[in-house]
């Protein structure tokens, strides 16, 4: 299989001397307001730098283009979209895989049109877990890998054409049986061989799967394209026991230039909880 672009590690020669700016985004469903402009007003006041969008199935994200264009014209910063569907490109059923890829291609095109950076997706969610009966999935590990690499090549080629990136997110063992750790995602990215395919580090899933989250970030750093943050218990950063100085220090060490996108549940009064995150994260650095 030939690929249009060779994936290679990216390094920032200044990273060892100057820590990149800490940019924080919040997923749109966590922000109060009926419009993206209203959500943006709250986000700015709370200290956020961007809004992460959610891309639902049925080409719903494409249907939002008029609102997204208006929000962009009004100054709303929307660098990324997180896929929000019931099936993904690693599905067992080929028709579901095809639909997931078509949906993702559409989302990549839309995020490109509004000047964003990329779209993220897991390989699957809730499709199978080796930790719960019947324990053995209906597809072999070799077949899993073939499906995932093929999908990443297809999606990555489209992302590269649109000038954006595709981010592969490892999920914990109870939500996905194929890609649980950053090193597994990096291995698939290397196999796809397309520079537009990158890795997502999600601190909640890392807390479950990684022996040492900070070390995992440092190892995956050259392939890291996006970061999502919540605490060890899936609530907002600061509500659990995750070692934030270690994780943020690792991101600084690898010269990470992207956003920390808040994807979590909220403990306490919702508006106060979501507003507390930017100041909390910046204090931990």
C-alpha atoms as a PDB file:
ATOM      1  CA  UNK A   1       0.000   0.000   0.000  1.00  0.00           C
ATOM      2  CA  UNK A   2       1.459   3.398  -0.971  1.00  0.00           C
ATOM      3  CA  UNK A   3       0.698   6.564   0.925  1.00  0.00           C
ATOM      4  CA  UNK A   4       0.890  10.155  -0.301  1.00  0.00           C
ATOM      5  CA  UNK A   5       2.850  11.560   2.617  1.00  0.00           C
ATOM      6  CA  UNK A   6       5.289  10.008   5.033  1.00  0.00           C
ATOM      7  CA  UNK A   7       4.509  10.529   8.701  1.00  0.00           C
ATOM      8  CA  UNK A   8       7.510  11.741  10.652  1.00  0.00           C
ATOM      9  CA  UNK A   9       8.045  13.044  14.164  1.00  0.00           C
ATOM     10  CA  UNK A  10       7.630  16.771  14.594  1.00  0.00           C
ATOM     11  CA  UNK A  11       9.935  18.608  16.937  1.00  0.00           C
ATOM     12  CA  UNK A  12      10.115  22.183  18.145  1.00  0.00           C
ATOM     13  CA  UNK A  13      13.751  23.260  18.521  1.00  0.00           C
ATOM     14  CA  UNK A  14      12.757  26.008  20.968  1.00  0.00           C
ATOM     15  CA  UNK A  15      10.718  23.710  23.225  1.00  0.00           C
ATOM     16  CA  UNK A  16      13.606  23.005  25.578  1.00  0.00           C
ATOM     17  CA  UNK A  17      13.998  26.714  26.340  1.00  0.00           C
ATOM     18  CA  UNK A  18      10.538  28.273  26.099  1.00  0.00           C
ATOM     19  CA  UNK A  19       7.299  26.644  27.248  1.00  0.00           C
ATOM     20  CA  UNK A  20       4.541  27.003  24.645  1.00  0.00           C
ATOM     21  CA  UNK A  21       1.539  29.117  25.550  1.00  0.00           C
ATOM     22  CA  UNK A  22      -1.118  27.170  27.438  1.00  0.00           C
ATOM     23  CA  UNK A  23      -4.228  27.410  25.273  1.00  0.00           C
ATOM     24  CA  UNK A  24      -7.449  25.996  26.697  1.00  0.00           C
ATOM     25  CA  UNK A  25     -10.657  25.161  24.821  1.00  0.00           C
ATOM     26  CA  UNK A  26     -14.015  24.059  26.181  1.00  0.00           C
ATOM     27  CA  UNK A  27     -16.439  21.698  24.468  1.00  0.00           C
ATOM     28  CA  UNK A  28     -19.533  23.572  23.410  1.00  0.00           C
ATOM     29  CA  UNK A  29     -22.094  21.512  25.366  1.00  0.00           C
ATOM     30  CA  UNK A  30     -20.462  22.544  28.673  1.00  0.00           C
ATOM     31  CA  UNK A  31     -20.884  26.264  28.049  1.00  0.00           C
ATOM     32  CA  UNK A  32     -24.077  28.183  28.872  1.00  0.00           C
ATOM     33  CA  UNK A  33     -25.873  30.004  26.088  1.00  0.00           C
ATOM     34  CA  UNK A  34     -28.144  29.287  23.145  1.00  0.00           C
ATOM     35  CA  UNK A  35     -25.739  30.380  20.408  1.00  0.00           C
ATOM     36  CA  UNK A  36     -22.037  29.956  19.816  1.00  0.00           C
ATOM     37  CA  UNK A  37     -21.625  33.690  20.285  1.00  0.00           C
ATOM     38  CA  UNK A  38     -23.252  33.532  23.732  1.00  0.00           C
ATOM     39  CA  UNK A  39     -21.118  30.536  24.661  1.00  0.00           C
ATOM     40  CA  UNK A  40     -18.026  32.389  23.456  1.00  0.00           C
ATOM     41  CA  UNK A  41     -18.804  35.393  25.631  1.00  0.00           C
ATOM     42  CA  UNK A  42     -18.916  33.141  28.701  1.00  0.00           C
ATOM     43  CA  UNK A  43     -15.808  31.228  27.612  1.00  0.00           C
ATOM     44  CA  UNK A  44     -13.742  34.383  27.169  1.00  0.00           C
ATOM     45  CA  UNK A  45     -14.782  35.717  30.564  1.00  0.00           C
ATOM     46  CA  UNK A  46     -13.763  32.428  32.172  1.00  0.00           C
ATOM     47  CA  UNK A  47     -10.326  32.475  30.536  1.00  0.00           C
ATOM     48  CA  UNK A  48     -10.801  30.030  27.652  1.00  0.00           C
ATOM     49  CA  UNK A  49      -9.121  30.538  24.305  1.00  0.00           C
ATOM     50  CA  UNK A  50     -11.415  28.507  22.043  1.00  0.00           C
ATOM     51  CA  UNK A  51     -14.512  26.330  21.761  1.00  0.00           C
ATOM     52  CA  UNK A  52     -14.280  22.683  20.737  1.00  0.00           C
ATOM     53  CA  UNK A  53     -17.267  21.692  18.615  1.00  0.00           C
ATOM     54  CA  UNK A  54     -19.168  18.395  18.599  1.00  0.00           C
ATOM     55  CA  UNK A  55     -19.930  16.646  15.323  1.00  0.00           C
ATOM     56  CA  UNK A  56     -23.093  14.575  15.471  1.00  0.00           C
ATOM     57  CA  UNK A  57     -24.181  11.909  12.982  1.00  0.00           C
ATOM     58  CA  UNK A  58     -26.504  12.359  10.025  1.00  0.00           C
ATOM     59  CA  UNK A  59     -24.226  15.048   8.560  1.00  0.00           C
ATOM     60  CA  UNK A  60     -25.552  17.374  11.256  1.00  0.00           C
ATOM     61  CA  UNK A  61     -22.225  19.196  11.450  1.00  0.00           C
ATOM     62  CA  UNK A  62     -22.403  20.111   7.762  1.00  0.00           C
ATOM     63  CA  UNK A  63     -25.934  21.406   8.300  1.00  0.00           C
ATOM     64  CA  UNK A  64     -24.570  23.803  10.926  1.00  0.00           C
ATOM     65  CA  UNK A  65     -22.334  25.573   8.410  1.00  0.00           C
ATOM     66  CA  UNK A  66     -24.408  28.793   8.251  1.00  0.00           C
ATOM     67  CA  UNK A  67     -24.251  29.157  12.050  1.00  0.00           C
ATOM     68  CA  UNK A  68     -20.564  28.228  12.100  1.00  0.00           C
ATOM     69  CA  UNK A  69     -19.750  30.803   9.415  1.00  0.00           C
ATOM     70  CA  UNK A  70     -21.661  33.456  11.353  1.00  0.00           C
ATOM     71  CA  UNK A  71     -19.863  32.571  14.582  1.00  0.00           C
ATOM     72  CA  UNK A  72     -16.499  32.705  12.812  1.00  0.00           C
ATOM     73  CA  UNK A  73     -17.337  36.144  11.428  1.00  0.00           C
ATOM     74  CA  UNK A  74     -18.199  37.226  14.973  1.00  0.00           C
ATOM     75  CA  UNK A  75     -14.824  36.190  16.296  1.00  0.00           C
ATOM     76  CA  UNK A  76     -15.554  32.777  17.802  1.00  0.00           C
ATOM     77  CA  UNK A  77     -12.434  30.579  17.777  1.00  0.00           C
ATOM     78  CA  UNK A  78     -13.319  26.976  16.824  1.00  0.00           C
ATOM     79  CA  UNK A  79     -10.158  24.975  16.098  1.00  0.00           C
ATOM     80  CA  UNK A  80     -11.421  21.406  16.496  1.00  0.00           C
ATOM     81  CA  UNK A  81     -14.438  19.132  16.286  1.00  0.00           C
ATOM     82  CA  UNK A  82     -14.947  15.975  18.337  1.00  0.00           C
ATOM     83  CA  UNK A  83     -16.995  13.299  16.602  1.00  0.00           C
ATOM     84  CA  UNK A  84     -20.202  12.447  18.500  1.00  0.00           C
ATOM     85  CA  UNK A  85     -21.731   9.379  16.873  1.00  0.00           C
ATOM     86  CA  UNK A  86     -22.870   5.848  17.745  1.00  0.00           C
ATOM     87  CA  UNK A  87     -20.437   4.044  15.410  1.00  0.00           C
ATOM     88  CA  UNK A  88     -16.917   4.751  14.192  1.00  0.00           C
ATOM     89  CA  UNK A  89     -14.442   3.811  11.492  1.00  0.00           C
ATOM     90  CA  UNK A  90     -13.399   0.627  13.316  1.00  0.00           C
ATOM     91  CA  UNK A  91     -16.915  -0.860  13.399  1.00  0.00           C
ATOM     92  CA  UNK A  92     -17.350  -4.576  12.727  1.00  0.00           C
ATOM     93  CA  UNK A  93     -20.060  -3.927  10.124  1.00  0.00           C
ATOM     94  CA  UNK A  94     -18.636  -2.610   6.803  1.00  0.00           C
ATOM     95  CA  UNK A  95     -21.667  -0.400   6.136  1.00  0.00           C
ATOM     96  CA  UNK A  96     -21.257   1.262   9.523  1.00  0.00           C
ATOM     97  CA  UNK A  97     -17.542   1.740   8.844  1.00  0.00           C
ATOM     98  CA  UNK A  98     -18.311   3.366   5.507  1.00  0.00           C
ATOM     99  CA  UNK A  99     -20.869   5.689   7.064  1.00  0.00           C
ATOM    100  CA  UNK A 100     -18.476   6.685   9.850  1.00  0.00           C
ATOM    101  CA  UNK A 101     -15.756   7.492   7.319  1.00  0.00           C
ATOM    102  CA  UNK A 102     -18.157   9.519   5.168  1.00  0.00           C
ATOM    103  CA  UNK A 103     -19.321  11.435   8.253  1.00  0.00           C
ATOM    104  CA  UNK A 104     -15.749  12.122   9.341  1.00  0.00           C
ATOM    105  CA  UNK A 105     -14.713  13.290   5.887  1.00  0.00           C
ATOM    106  CA  UNK A 106     -17.604  15.730   5.966  1.00  0.00           C
ATOM    107  CA  UNK A 107     -16.558  16.989   9.396  1.00  0.00           C
ATOM    108  CA  UNK A 108     -12.974  17.420   8.233  1.00  0.00           C
ATOM    109  CA  UNK A 109     -14.184  19.473   5.266  1.00  0.00           C
ATOM    110  CA  UNK A 110     -16.373  21.656   7.473  1.00  0.00           C
ATOM    111  CA  UNK A 111     -13.670  22.312  10.061  1.00  0.00           C
ATOM    112  CA  UNK A 112     -11.330  23.230   7.197  1.00  0.00           C
ATOM    113  CA  UNK A 113     -13.899  25.656   5.790  1.00  0.00           C
ATOM    114  CA  UNK A 114     -14.067  27.557   9.094  1.00  0.00           C
ATOM    115  CA  UNK A 115     -10.288  27.687   9.433  1.00  0.00           C
ATOM    116  CA  UNK A 116      -9.923  24.986  12.088  1.00  0.00           C
ATOM    117  CA  UNK A 117      -7.135  22.532  12.823  1.00  0.00           C
ATOM    118  CA  UNK A 118      -8.822  19.136  12.639  1.00  0.00           C
ATOM    119  CA  UNK A 119     -11.285  16.503  13.802  1.00  0.00           C
ATOM    120  CA  UNK A 120     -10.820  13.742  16.354  1.00  0.00           C
ATOM    121  CA  UNK A 121     -12.266  10.258  16.634  1.00  0.00           C
ATOM    122  CA  UNK A 122     -11.729   7.020  18.499  1.00  0.00           C
ATOM    123  CA  UNK A 123     -11.449   3.757  16.611  1.00  0.00           C
ATOM    124  CA  UNK A 124     -14.701   2.702  18.259  1.00  0.00           C
ATOM    125  CA  UNK A 125     -16.778   3.359  21.359  1.00  0.00           C
ATOM    126  CA  UNK A 126     -18.841   0.794  23.245  1.00  0.00           C
ATOM    127  CA  UNK A 127     -18.502  -1.709  20.414  1.00  0.00           C
ATOM    128  CA  UNK A 128     -16.598  -4.334  22.381  1.00  0.00           C
ATOM    129  CA  UNK A 129     -14.419  -4.788  25.464  1.00  0.00           C
ATOM    130  CA  UNK A 130     -12.144  -7.728  26.225  1.00  0.00           C
ATOM    131  CA  UNK A 131     -12.726  -6.946  29.906  1.00  0.00           C
ATOM    132  CA  UNK A 132     -16.400  -7.915  29.784  1.00  0.00           C
ATOM    133  CA  UNK A 133     -18.076 -11.132  28.551  1.00  0.00           C
ATOM    134  CA  UNK A 134     -17.920 -12.672  25.990  1.00  0.00           C
ATOM    135  CA  UNK A 135     -14.250 -11.455  26.132  1.00  0.00           C
ATOM    136  CA  UNK A 136     -13.253 -12.454  22.573  1.00  0.00           C
ATOM    137  CA  UNK A 137     -14.352 -10.130  19.744  1.00  0.00           C
ATOM    138  CA  UNK A 138     -15.627 -11.480  16.422  1.00  0.00           C
ATOM    139  CA  UNK A 139     -12.633 -10.057  14.532  1.00  0.00           C
ATOM    140  CA  UNK A 140      -8.974 -11.003  14.996  1.00  0.00           C
ATOM    141  CA  UNK A 141      -6.321  -8.527  16.132  1.00  0.00           C
ATOM    142  CA  UNK A 142      -4.701  -8.686  12.702  1.00  0.00           C
ATOM    143  CA  UNK A 143      -8.043  -7.915  11.034  1.00  0.00           C
ATOM    144  CA  UNK A 144      -8.652  -5.081  13.509  1.00  0.00           C
ATOM    145  CA  UNK A 145      -5.332  -3.550  12.551  1.00  0.00           C
ATOM    146  CA  UNK A 146      -5.997  -3.902   8.831  1.00  0.00           C
ATOM    147  CA  UNK A 147      -9.371  -2.150   9.190  1.00  0.00           C
ATOM    148  CA  UNK A 148      -7.929   0.658  11.301  1.00  0.00           C
ATOM    149  CA  UNK A 149      -4.921   1.348   9.078  1.00  0.00           C
ATOM    150  CA  UNK A 150      -7.098   1.304   5.970  1.00  0.00           C
ATOM    151  CA  UNK A 151      -9.517   3.763   7.579  1.00  0.00           C
ATOM    152  CA  UNK A 152      -6.730   6.054   8.766  1.00  0.00           C
ATOM    153  CA  UNK A 153      -5.202   6.134   5.286  1.00  0.00           C
ATOM    154  CA  UNK A 154      -8.565   7.003   3.723  1.00  0.00           C
ATOM    155  CA  UNK A 155      -9.348   9.680   6.317  1.00  0.00           C
ATOM    156  CA  UNK A 156      -5.808  10.999   6.466  1.00  0.00           C
ATOM    157  CA  UNK A 157      -5.649  11.442   2.712  1.00  0.00           C
ATOM    158  CA  UNK A 158      -8.856  13.484   2.848  1.00  0.00           C
ATOM    159  CA  UNK A 159      -7.588  15.525   5.807  1.00  0.00           C
ATOM    160  CA  UNK A 160      -4.340  16.303   3.984  1.00  0.00           C
ATOM    161  CA  UNK A 161      -6.277  17.389   0.902  1.00  0.00           C
ATOM    162  CA  UNK A 162      -8.368  19.741   3.049  1.00  0.00           C
ATOM    163  CA  UNK A 163      -5.305  21.095   4.865  1.00  0.00           C
ATOM    164  CA  UNK A 164      -6.368  19.867   8.317  1.00  0.00           C
ATOM    165  CA  UNK A 165      -5.546  16.922  10.574  1.00  0.00           C
ATOM    166  CA  UNK A 166      -7.250  13.772  11.812  1.00  0.00           C
ATOM    167  CA  UNK A 167      -6.665  12.925  15.471  1.00  0.00           C
ATOM    168  CA  UNK A 168      -6.911   9.313  16.691  1.00  0.00           C
ATOM    169  CA  UNK A 169      -8.016   9.028  20.327  1.00  0.00           C
ATOM    170  CA  UNK A 170      -7.209   5.984  22.485  1.00  0.00           C
ATOM    171  CA  UNK A 171     -10.047   5.053  24.856  1.00  0.00           C
ATOM    172  CA  UNK A 172      -9.922   2.958  27.994  1.00  0.00           C
ATOM    173  CA  UNK A 173     -10.307  -0.836  27.942  1.00  0.00           C
ATOM    174  CA  UNK A 174     -13.997  -0.745  28.880  1.00  0.00           C
ATOM    175  CA  UNK A 175     -14.920   1.472  25.919  1.00  0.00           C
ATOM    176  CA  UNK A 176     -12.716   0.090  23.127  1.00  0.00           C
ATOM    177  CA  UNK A 177     -10.782  -3.152  22.681  1.00  0.00           C
ATOM    178  CA  UNK A 178      -8.431  -1.940  19.941  1.00  0.00           C
ATOM    179  CA  UNK A 179      -6.670   1.313  20.872  1.00  0.00           C
ATOM    180  CA  UNK A 180      -6.247   1.973  24.591  1.00  0.00           C
ATOM    181  CA  UNK A 181      -2.796   3.555  24.981  1.00  0.00           C
ATOM    182  CA  UNK A 182      -0.861   6.330  23.285  1.00  0.00           C
ATOM    183  CA  UNK A 183       1.832   3.957  22.042  1.00  0.00           C
ATOM    184  CA  UNK A 184      -0.819   1.850  20.288  1.00  0.00           C
ATOM    185  CA  UNK A 185      -2.179   4.951  18.581  1.00  0.00           C
ATOM    186  CA  UNK A 186       1.326   6.043  17.576  1.00  0.00           C
ATOM    187  CA  UNK A 187       1.958   2.608  16.063  1.00  0.00           C
ATOM    188  CA  UNK A 188      -1.176   2.929  13.913  1.00  0.00           C
ATOM    189  CA  UNK A 189      -0.283   6.479  12.891  1.00  0.00           C
ATOM    190  CA  UNK A 190       3.141   5.271  11.770  1.00  0.00           C
ATOM    191  CA  UNK A 191       1.539   2.418   9.839  1.00  0.00           C
ATOM    192  CA  UNK A 192      -0.841   4.819   8.073  1.00  0.00           C
ATOM    193  CA  UNK A 193       2.162   6.887   7.036  1.00  0.00           C
ATOM    194  CA  UNK A 194       0.309  10.159   6.502  1.00  0.00           C
ATOM    195  CA  UNK A 195       1.531  13.263   8.290  1.00  0.00           C
ATOM    196  CA  UNK A 196      -2.023  14.611   8.654  1.00  0.00           C
ATOM    197  CA  UNK A 197      -2.905  11.708  10.986  1.00  0.00           C
ATOM    198  CA  UNK A 198      -1.981  12.483  14.583  1.00  0.00           C
ATOM    199  CA  UNK A 199      -2.701  11.220  18.123  1.00  0.00           C
ATOM    200  CA  UNK A 200      -5.021  12.534  20.851  1.00  0.00           C
ATOM    201  CA  UNK A 201      -3.996  12.337  24.510  1.00  0.00           C
ATOM    202  CA  UNK A 202      -7.079  12.227  26.756  1.00  0.00           C
ATOM    203  CA  UNK A 203      -6.112  12.519  30.420  1.00  0.00           C
ATOM    204  CA  UNK A 204      -9.107  10.531  31.686  1.00  0.00           C
ATOM    205  CA  UNK A 205      -8.337   7.492  29.555  1.00  0.00           C
ATOM    206  CA  UNK A 206      -4.609   7.848  30.233  1.00  0.00           C
ATOM    207  CA  UNK A 207      -5.277   7.753  33.974  1.00  0.00           C
ATOM    208  CA  UNK A 208      -6.773   4.263  33.484  1.00  0.00           C
ATOM    209  CA  UNK A 209      -4.440   2.839  30.841  1.00  0.00           C
ATOM    210  CA  UNK A 210      -0.985   4.388  31.102  1.00  0.00           C
ATOM    211  CA  UNK A 211       1.548   3.190  33.680  1.00  0.00           C
ATOM    212  CA  UNK A 212       2.948   6.730  33.776  1.00  0.00           C
ATOM    213  CA  UNK A 213       0.830   9.340  31.951  1.00  0.00           C
ATOM    214  CA  UNK A 214       3.605  11.924  31.826  1.00  0.00           C
ATOM    215  CA  UNK A 215       6.097   9.414  30.415  1.00  0.00           C
ATOM    216  CA  UNK A 216       3.502   8.315  27.847  1.00  0.00           C
ATOM    217  CA  UNK A 217       3.070  11.928  26.722  1.00  0.00           C
ATOM    218  CA  UNK A 218       6.812  12.368  26.359  1.00  0.00           C
ATOM    219  CA  UNK A 219       7.115   9.166  24.317  1.00  0.00           C
ATOM    220  CA  UNK A 220       4.205  10.085  22.039  1.00  0.00           C
ATOM    221  CA  UNK A 221       5.130  13.751  21.824  1.00  0.00           C
ATOM    222  CA  UNK A 222       6.375  13.836  18.218  1.00  0.00           C
ATOM    223  CA  UNK A 223       3.025  12.434  17.046  1.00  0.00           C
ATOM    224  CA  UNK A 224       0.767  14.334  19.440  1.00  0.00           C
ATOM    225  CA  UNK A 225      -1.798  16.513  17.680  1.00  0.00           C
ATOM    226  CA  UNK A 226      -4.456  17.209  20.292  1.00  0.00           C
ATOM    227  CA  UNK A 227      -5.139  16.922  24.029  1.00  0.00           C
ATOM    228  CA  UNK A 228      -8.443  16.519  25.861  1.00  0.00           C
ATOM    229  CA  UNK A 229      -8.599  17.073  29.604  1.00  0.00           C
ATOM    230  CA  UNK A 230     -10.717  15.855  32.482  1.00  0.00           C
ATOM    231  CA  UNK A 231      -9.696  14.545  35.864  1.00  0.00           C
ATOM    232  CA  UNK A 232      -9.253  10.958  37.023  1.00  0.00           C
ATOM    233  CA  UNK A 233     -12.977  10.627  37.782  1.00  0.00           C
ATOM    234  CA  UNK A 234     -14.132  12.203  34.486  1.00  0.00           C
ATOM    235  CA  UNK A 235     -15.159  15.422  36.246  1.00  0.00           C
ATOM    236  CA  UNK A 236     -13.556  18.804  35.576  1.00  0.00           C
ATOM    237  CA  UNK A 237      -9.798  19.198  36.161  1.00  0.00           C
ATOM    238  CA  UNK A 238      -9.247  19.750  39.862  1.00  0.00           C
ATOM    239  CA  UNK A 239     -12.028  17.410  40.969  1.00  0.00           C
ATOM    240  CA  UNK A 240      -9.896  14.232  41.054  1.00  0.00           C
ATOM    241  CA  UNK A 241      -6.374  13.008  41.764  1.00  0.00           C
ATOM    242  CA  UNK A 242      -4.584  13.345  38.428  1.00  0.00           C
ATOM    243  CA  UNK A 243      -1.022  14.701  38.679  1.00  0.00           C
ATOM    244  CA  UNK A 244      -1.550  17.821  36.595  1.00  0.00           C
ATOM    245  CA  UNK A 245       1.911  19.382  37.091  1.00  0.00           C
ATOM    246  CA  UNK A 246       3.484  16.168  35.760  1.00  0.00           C
ATOM    247  CA  UNK A 247       1.201  15.969  32.704  1.00  0.00           C
ATOM    248  CA  UNK A 248       1.451  19.668  31.862  1.00  0.00           C
ATOM    249  CA  UNK A 249       5.213  19.529  32.389  1.00  0.00           C
ATOM    250  CA  UNK A 250       5.430  16.647  29.924  1.00  0.00           C
ATOM    251  CA  UNK A 251       3.422  18.625  27.356  1.00  0.00           C
ATOM    252  CA  UNK A 252       5.811  21.549  27.814  1.00  0.00           C
ATOM    253  CA  UNK A 253       8.785  19.198  27.467  1.00  0.00           C
ATOM    254  CA  UNK A 254       7.626  17.949  24.060  1.00  0.00           C
ATOM    255  CA  UNK A 255       6.782  21.452  22.861  1.00  0.00           C
ATOM    256  CA  UNK A 256       3.059  20.776  22.448  1.00  0.00           C
ATOM    257  CA  UNK A 257       1.529  23.696  20.530  1.00  0.00           C
ATOM    258  CA  UNK A 258      -2.166  22.784  20.446  1.00  0.00           C
ATOM    259  CA  UNK A 259      -5.136  23.240  22.746  1.00  0.00           C
ATOM    260  CA  UNK A 260      -6.168  21.515  25.950  1.00  0.00           C
ATOM    261  CA  UNK A 261      -9.835  20.829  25.234  1.00  0.00           C
ATOM    262  CA  UNK A 262     -12.045  20.321  28.274  1.00  0.00           C
ATOM    263  CA  UNK A 263     -14.239  17.233  27.807  1.00  0.00           C
ATOM    264  CA  UNK A 264     -15.748  16.195  31.117  1.00  0.00           C
ATOM    265  CA  UNK A 265     -18.726  15.907  33.412  1.00  0.00           C
ATOM    266  CA  UNK A 266     -19.269  18.719  35.878  1.00  0.00           C
ATOM    267  CA  UNK A 267     -19.279  18.391  39.643  1.00  0.00           C
ATOM    268  CA  UNK A 268     -20.960  21.224  41.528  1.00  0.00           C
ATOM    269  CA  UNK A 269     -22.851  24.160  40.078  1.00  0.00           C
ATOM    270  CA  UNK A 270     -22.283  23.755  36.313  1.00  0.00           C
ATOM    271  CA  UNK A 271     -21.339  27.306  35.351  1.00  0.00           C
ATOM    272  CA  UNK A 272     -18.975  27.715  38.291  1.00  0.00           C
ATOM    273  CA  UNK A 273     -17.423  24.310  37.627  1.00  0.00           C
ATOM    274  CA  UNK A 274     -16.666  24.961  33.978  1.00  0.00           C
ATOM    275  CA  UNK A 275     -15.465  28.486  34.734  1.00  0.00           C
ATOM    276  CA  UNK A 276     -12.972  27.167  37.292  1.00  0.00           C
ATOM    277  CA  UNK A 277     -10.932  25.102  34.840  1.00  0.00           C
ATOM    278  CA  UNK A 278      -8.678  27.656  33.056  1.00  0.00           C
ATOM    279  CA  UNK A 279      -7.384  29.210  36.256  1.00  0.00           C
ATOM    280  CA  UNK A 280      -6.910  25.786  37.846  1.00  0.00           C
ATOM    281  CA  UNK A 281      -4.864  24.447  34.927  1.00  0.00           C
ATOM    282  CA  UNK A 282      -2.706  27.543  34.690  1.00  0.00           C
ATOM    283  CA  UNK A 283      -1.920  27.335  38.419  1.00  0.00           C
ATOM    284  CA  UNK A 284      -0.649  23.755  37.936  1.00  0.00           C
ATOM    285  CA  UNK A 285       1.882  24.633  35.285  1.00  0.00           C
END
